[in-house]
């Protein structure tokens, strides 16, 4: 009665049959397992070895008799979690391949405060778990509201997204909550002359570049393009190398 669930978890039909037979039979020899599973004994030998390799069945000896015993089914959940983690690790690379060959460059515009907030929702879905940001904190707050930014930061941290921020070296807000480096907030900062800052924020993530204008212009956009994002990302890295680690607070 558990066969379908085991197959949904990744076992083949015969693997599910043999594993269930091992659970029912207890420590047993191959002929007994084959009889319970109603599969040919010659076939069961290979399937049992597959389950041993997966860690779902253990082999032992009682005298000269080789016995096979099912292991705790909770291991299946651990296997699924391990598979999920491995997939998550390679997902950015797979997404990059997909975007390179299947996604055409595109641009989306957003108007008004509520429209601009959708840009932040998109950034929270970044698969790379890294946001590169060029930010003027004062104008950033004014563009979408301080309460919204605080909630965005909370969600970003909860999702394990790290930010590398470029901030103006002077003339902006500098607190532990905003504008300063804080490892606990997953935020790293470098400071540059204010003359290079115009928009409220520019975000670079995955193969996207997003920009939110100041309150005066009240709009934003997301450009999805591998070439454009790679170019802006390279510029960002160059400016990061030029930036200082402390602002001028005088």
Protein backbone atom coordinates (compact mmCIF):
# COMPACT_ATOMS: atom_id res chain seq x y z
CA UNK A 1 0.00 0.00 0.00
CA UNK A 2 3.06 2.24 0.22
CA UNK A 3 4.44 1.36 -3.19
CA UNK A 4 3.22 4.49 -4.99
CA UNK A 5 4.64 6.79 -2.30
CA UNK A 6 8.03 5.06 -2.50
CA UNK A 7 8.02 5.44 -6.28
CA UNK A 8 7.07 9.12 -5.91
CA UNK A 9 10.11 9.44 -3.63
CA UNK A 10 12.39 8.21 -6.42
CA UNK A 11 12.51 4.42 -6.16
CA UNK A 12 11.79 2.31 -9.23
CA UNK A 13 8.83 -0.05 -9.16
CA UNK A 14 10.99 -3.11 -8.47
CA UNK A 15 13.09 -1.23 -5.87
CA UNK A 16 9.87 -0.31 -4.07
CA UNK A 17 8.64 -3.93 -4.18
CA UNK A 18 11.92 -5.31 -2.84
CA UNK A 19 12.28 -2.66 -0.13
CA UNK A 20 8.73 -3.35 1.09
CA UNK A 21 9.50 -7.08 1.05
CA UNK A 22 12.59 -6.45 3.18
CA UNK A 23 10.51 -4.42 5.63
CA UNK A 24 7.93 -7.20 5.89
CA UNK A 25 10.34 -10.13 6.05
CA UNK A 26 12.92 -8.76 8.48
CA UNK A 27 16.54 -10.01 8.15
CA UNK A 28 16.24 -12.52 5.31
CA UNK A 29 18.05 -14.33 2.54
CA UNK A 30 17.46 -13.47 -1.08
CA UNK A 31 15.04 -16.37 -1.78
CA UNK A 32 12.71 -15.25 1.02
CA UNK A 33 12.82 -11.63 -0.18
CA UNK A 34 12.14 -12.72 -3.76
CA UNK A 35 9.18 -14.80 -2.60
CA UNK A 36 7.68 -11.93 -0.60
CA UNK A 37 8.23 -9.44 -3.44
CA UNK A 38 7.02 -11.95 -6.05
CA UNK A 39 10.01 -11.16 -8.25
CA UNK A 40 12.45 -13.62 -9.79
CA UNK A 41 15.34 -14.41 -7.45
CA UNK A 42 17.94 -13.63 -10.13
CA UNK A 43 16.44 -10.17 -10.52
CA UNK A 44 16.25 -9.53 -6.78
CA UNK A 45 20.02 -9.95 -6.33
CA UNK A 46 20.72 -6.85 -8.42
CA UNK A 47 17.89 -4.79 -6.91
CA UNK A 48 19.01 -5.58 -3.36
CA UNK A 49 22.53 -4.40 -4.19
CA UNK A 50 21.07 -1.15 -5.54
CA UNK A 51 19.18 -0.65 -2.27
CA UNK A 52 22.34 -1.44 -0.29
CA UNK A 53 24.20 1.24 -2.28
CA UNK A 54 21.39 3.69 -1.49
CA UNK A 55 21.64 2.91 2.21
CA UNK A 56 18.09 1.56 2.42
CA UNK A 57 19.12 -2.07 2.96
CA UNK A 58 21.96 -3.46 5.08
CA UNK A 59 23.84 -6.68 4.43
CA UNK A 60 25.04 -8.89 7.31
CA UNK A 61 26.10 -12.44 7.99
CA UNK A 62 24.68 -14.98 10.41
CA UNK A 63 27.16 -17.81 10.25
CA UNK A 64 27.60 -18.48 6.56
CA UNK A 65 24.21 -17.07 5.64
CA UNK A 66 24.10 -13.61 4.09
CA UNK A 67 21.07 -11.71 5.27
CA UNK A 68 19.54 -8.47 4.09
CA UNK A 69 17.61 -6.11 6.33
CA UNK A 70 15.65 -2.95 5.52
CA UNK A 71 16.85 0.23 7.18
CA UNK A 72 14.72 2.96 8.74
CA UNK A 73 12.32 4.44 6.12
CA UNK A 74 13.15 7.89 7.53
CA UNK A 75 16.35 7.60 5.48
CA UNK A 76 14.24 8.14 2.36
CA UNK A 77 13.34 11.61 3.58
CA UNK A 78 17.02 12.34 4.20
CA UNK A 79 17.80 11.15 0.67
CA UNK A 80 15.18 13.51 -0.75
CA UNK A 81 16.57 16.42 1.27
CA UNK A 82 20.09 15.63 0.02
CA UNK A 83 18.85 15.52 -3.57
CA UNK A 84 17.02 18.81 -3.07
CA UNK A 85 20.19 20.42 -1.72
CA UNK A 86 22.29 19.12 -4.63
CA UNK A 87 19.73 20.48 -7.08
CA UNK A 88 19.67 23.84 -5.28
CA UNK A 89 23.47 24.00 -5.56
CA UNK A 90 23.45 23.55 -9.34
CA UNK A 91 20.23 25.48 -10.02
CA UNK A 92 21.97 28.84 -10.65
CA UNK A 93 24.13 27.19 -13.32
CA UNK A 94 21.16 25.41 -14.89
CA UNK A 95 19.17 28.66 -14.87
CA UNK A 96 22.09 30.42 -16.54
CA UNK A 97 22.12 27.82 -19.33
CA UNK A 98 18.36 28.15 -19.74
CA UNK A 99 18.46 31.95 -19.91
CA UNK A 100 21.38 31.87 -22.36
CA UNK A 101 19.50 29.79 -24.92
CA UNK A 102 15.78 30.17 -24.20
CA UNK A 103 15.13 33.63 -22.77
CA UNK A 104 15.28 36.68 -25.02
CA UNK A 105 16.39 39.99 -23.48
CA UNK A 106 13.43 42.00 -22.23
CA UNK A 107 12.58 45.07 -20.19
CA UNK A 108 9.67 45.71 -17.85
CA UNK A 109 8.63 49.16 -16.58
CA UNK A 110 6.90 49.92 -13.28
CA UNK A 111 5.26 53.21 -12.36
CA UNK A 112 4.26 54.65 -9.01
CA UNK A 113 5.19 53.49 -5.53
CA UNK A 114 3.05 50.35 -5.67
CA UNK A 115 4.40 49.42 -9.09
CA UNK A 116 8.00 49.93 -8.00
CA UNK A 117 7.48 47.61 -5.01
CA UNK A 118 7.07 44.72 -7.47
CA UNK A 119 10.74 45.15 -8.39
CA UNK A 120 11.69 44.28 -4.82
CA UNK A 121 9.44 41.22 -4.92
CA UNK A 122 11.30 40.06 -8.02
CA UNK A 123 14.69 40.63 -6.36
CA UNK A 124 13.65 38.41 -3.44
CA UNK A 125 13.33 35.53 -5.92
CA UNK A 126 16.97 35.75 -7.02
CA UNK A 127 18.46 32.26 -7.39
CA UNK A 128 22.07 33.35 -6.90
CA UNK A 129 21.26 34.51 -3.34
CA UNK A 130 23.32 37.66 -3.93
CA UNK A 131 22.22 41.21 -4.67
CA UNK A 132 24.70 43.81 -5.85
CA UNK A 133 23.24 47.21 -5.01
CA UNK A 134 24.16 50.82 -5.70
CA UNK A 135 22.13 52.72 -3.10
CA UNK A 136 21.44 56.22 -1.84
CA UNK A 137 19.71 55.37 1.43
CA UNK A 138 17.80 58.64 1.92
CA UNK A 139 16.29 58.58 -1.58
CA UNK A 140 15.75 54.83 -1.28
CA UNK A 141 13.58 55.34 1.79
CA UNK A 142 11.64 58.14 0.12
CA UNK A 143 10.97 56.11 -3.03
CA UNK A 144 9.10 53.21 -1.42
CA UNK A 145 8.83 54.06 2.27
CA UNK A 146 10.95 53.15 5.27
CA UNK A 147 8.49 50.52 6.58
CA UNK A 148 8.53 48.70 3.23
CA UNK A 149 12.34 48.70 3.11
CA UNK A 150 12.56 47.29 6.65
CA UNK A 151 10.20 44.46 5.67
CA UNK A 152 12.19 43.85 2.48
CA UNK A 153 15.40 43.55 4.51
CA UNK A 154 13.70 41.11 6.89
CA UNK A 155 12.51 38.91 4.01
CA UNK A 156 15.90 39.08 2.29
CA UNK A 157 17.71 37.87 5.40
CA UNK A 158 15.13 35.11 5.97
CA UNK A 159 15.76 33.86 2.43
CA UNK A 160 19.53 33.85 2.91
CA UNK A 161 20.18 36.57 0.32
CA UNK A 162 23.43 38.49 0.82
CA UNK A 163 23.87 42.07 -0.38
CA UNK A 164 26.99 43.90 -1.45
CA UNK A 165 26.17 47.60 -1.35
CA UNK A 166 27.89 50.65 -2.77
CA UNK A 167 26.90 53.75 -0.77
CA UNK A 168 27.88 57.45 -1.01
CA UNK A 169 30.94 58.19 1.08
CA UNK A 170 29.25 61.16 2.76
CA UNK A 171 25.94 63.00 2.88
CA UNK A 172 23.71 59.93 3.38
CA UNK A 173 22.26 57.93 6.31
CA UNK A 174 24.71 55.77 8.25
CA UNK A 175 23.23 53.57 10.97
CA UNK A 176 23.64 49.95 11.99
CA UNK A 177 20.26 49.27 10.39
CA UNK A 178 20.91 51.12 7.12
CA UNK A 179 23.98 52.35 5.30
CA UNK A 180 26.60 50.48 7.34
CA UNK A 181 28.12 47.04 6.96
CA UNK A 182 26.56 44.40 9.21
CA UNK A 183 27.35 40.72 8.84
CA UNK A 184 24.28 39.75 10.88
CA UNK A 185 22.13 41.53 8.30
CA UNK A 186 24.05 39.78 5.49
CA UNK A 187 25.16 43.19 4.21
CA UNK A 188 28.64 44.22 3.06
CA UNK A 189 29.42 47.81 2.09
CA UNK A 190 31.94 49.96 0.23
CA UNK A 191 31.79 53.75 -0.10
CA UNK A 192 32.34 55.90 -3.19
CA UNK A 193 32.13 59.63 -3.99
CA UNK A 194 28.48 60.84 -4.04
CA UNK A 195 28.89 62.08 -7.62
CA UNK A 196 28.45 58.52 -8.98
CA UNK A 197 25.00 58.12 -7.38
CA UNK A 198 21.84 59.30 -9.14
CA UNK A 199 19.09 56.67 -8.91
CA UNK A 200 17.65 55.64 -5.55
CA UNK A 201 18.89 52.07 -6.11
CA UNK A 202 20.31 49.81 -8.80
CA UNK A 203 20.15 46.07 -8.17
CA UNK A 204 22.07 43.41 -10.09
CA UNK A 205 21.07 39.77 -9.62
CA UNK A 206 20.88 36.59 -11.66
CA UNK A 207 20.79 37.93 -15.24
CA UNK A 208 18.81 41.02 -14.34
CA UNK A 209 19.46 44.70 -13.67
CA UNK A 210 16.76 46.64 -11.82
CA UNK A 211 16.64 50.35 -11.16
CA UNK A 212 14.35 52.40 -8.93
CA UNK A 213 14.35 56.14 -9.55
CA UNK A 214 14.06 58.83 -6.89
CA UNK A 215 10.68 59.94 -5.54
CA UNK A 216 10.62 62.81 -8.05
CA UNK A 217 10.59 60.55 -11.13
CA UNK A 218 8.71 57.71 -9.36
CA UNK A 219 9.32 54.77 -11.71
CA UNK A 220 11.53 51.74 -12.10
CA UNK A 221 12.43 48.98 -14.53
CA UNK A 222 13.95 45.50 -14.76
CA UNK A 223 16.17 44.60 -17.70
CA UNK A 224 16.64 40.87 -18.20
CA UNK A 225 19.74 40.34 -20.32
CA UNK A 226 22.79 38.19 -19.74
CA UNK A 227 25.15 40.52 -21.60
CA UNK A 228 23.82 43.69 -19.98
CA UNK A 229 23.79 42.24 -16.46
CA UNK A 230 27.28 40.78 -16.86
CA UNK A 231 28.55 44.16 -18.03
CA UNK A 232 26.97 46.03 -15.09
CA UNK A 233 28.15 43.33 -12.70
CA UNK A 234 31.73 43.78 -13.94
CA UNK A 235 31.47 47.57 -13.48
CA UNK A 236 30.11 47.00 -9.98
CA UNK A 237 33.02 44.71 -9.08
CA UNK A 238 35.48 47.29 -10.39
CA UNK A 239 33.90 50.06 -8.30
CA UNK A 240 33.78 47.77 -5.29
CA UNK A 241 37.54 47.40 -5.54
CA UNK A 242 37.92 51.19 -5.53
CA UNK A 243 35.59 51.81 -2.62
CA UNK A 244 36.60 52.49 0.97
CA UNK A 245 35.37 50.49 3.96
CA UNK A 246 34.34 53.51 6.03
CA UNK A 247 32.24 56.61 5.26
CA UNK A 248 33.15 60.21 6.05
CA UNK A 249 30.94 61.04 9.03
CA UNK A 250 32.27 64.54 9.72
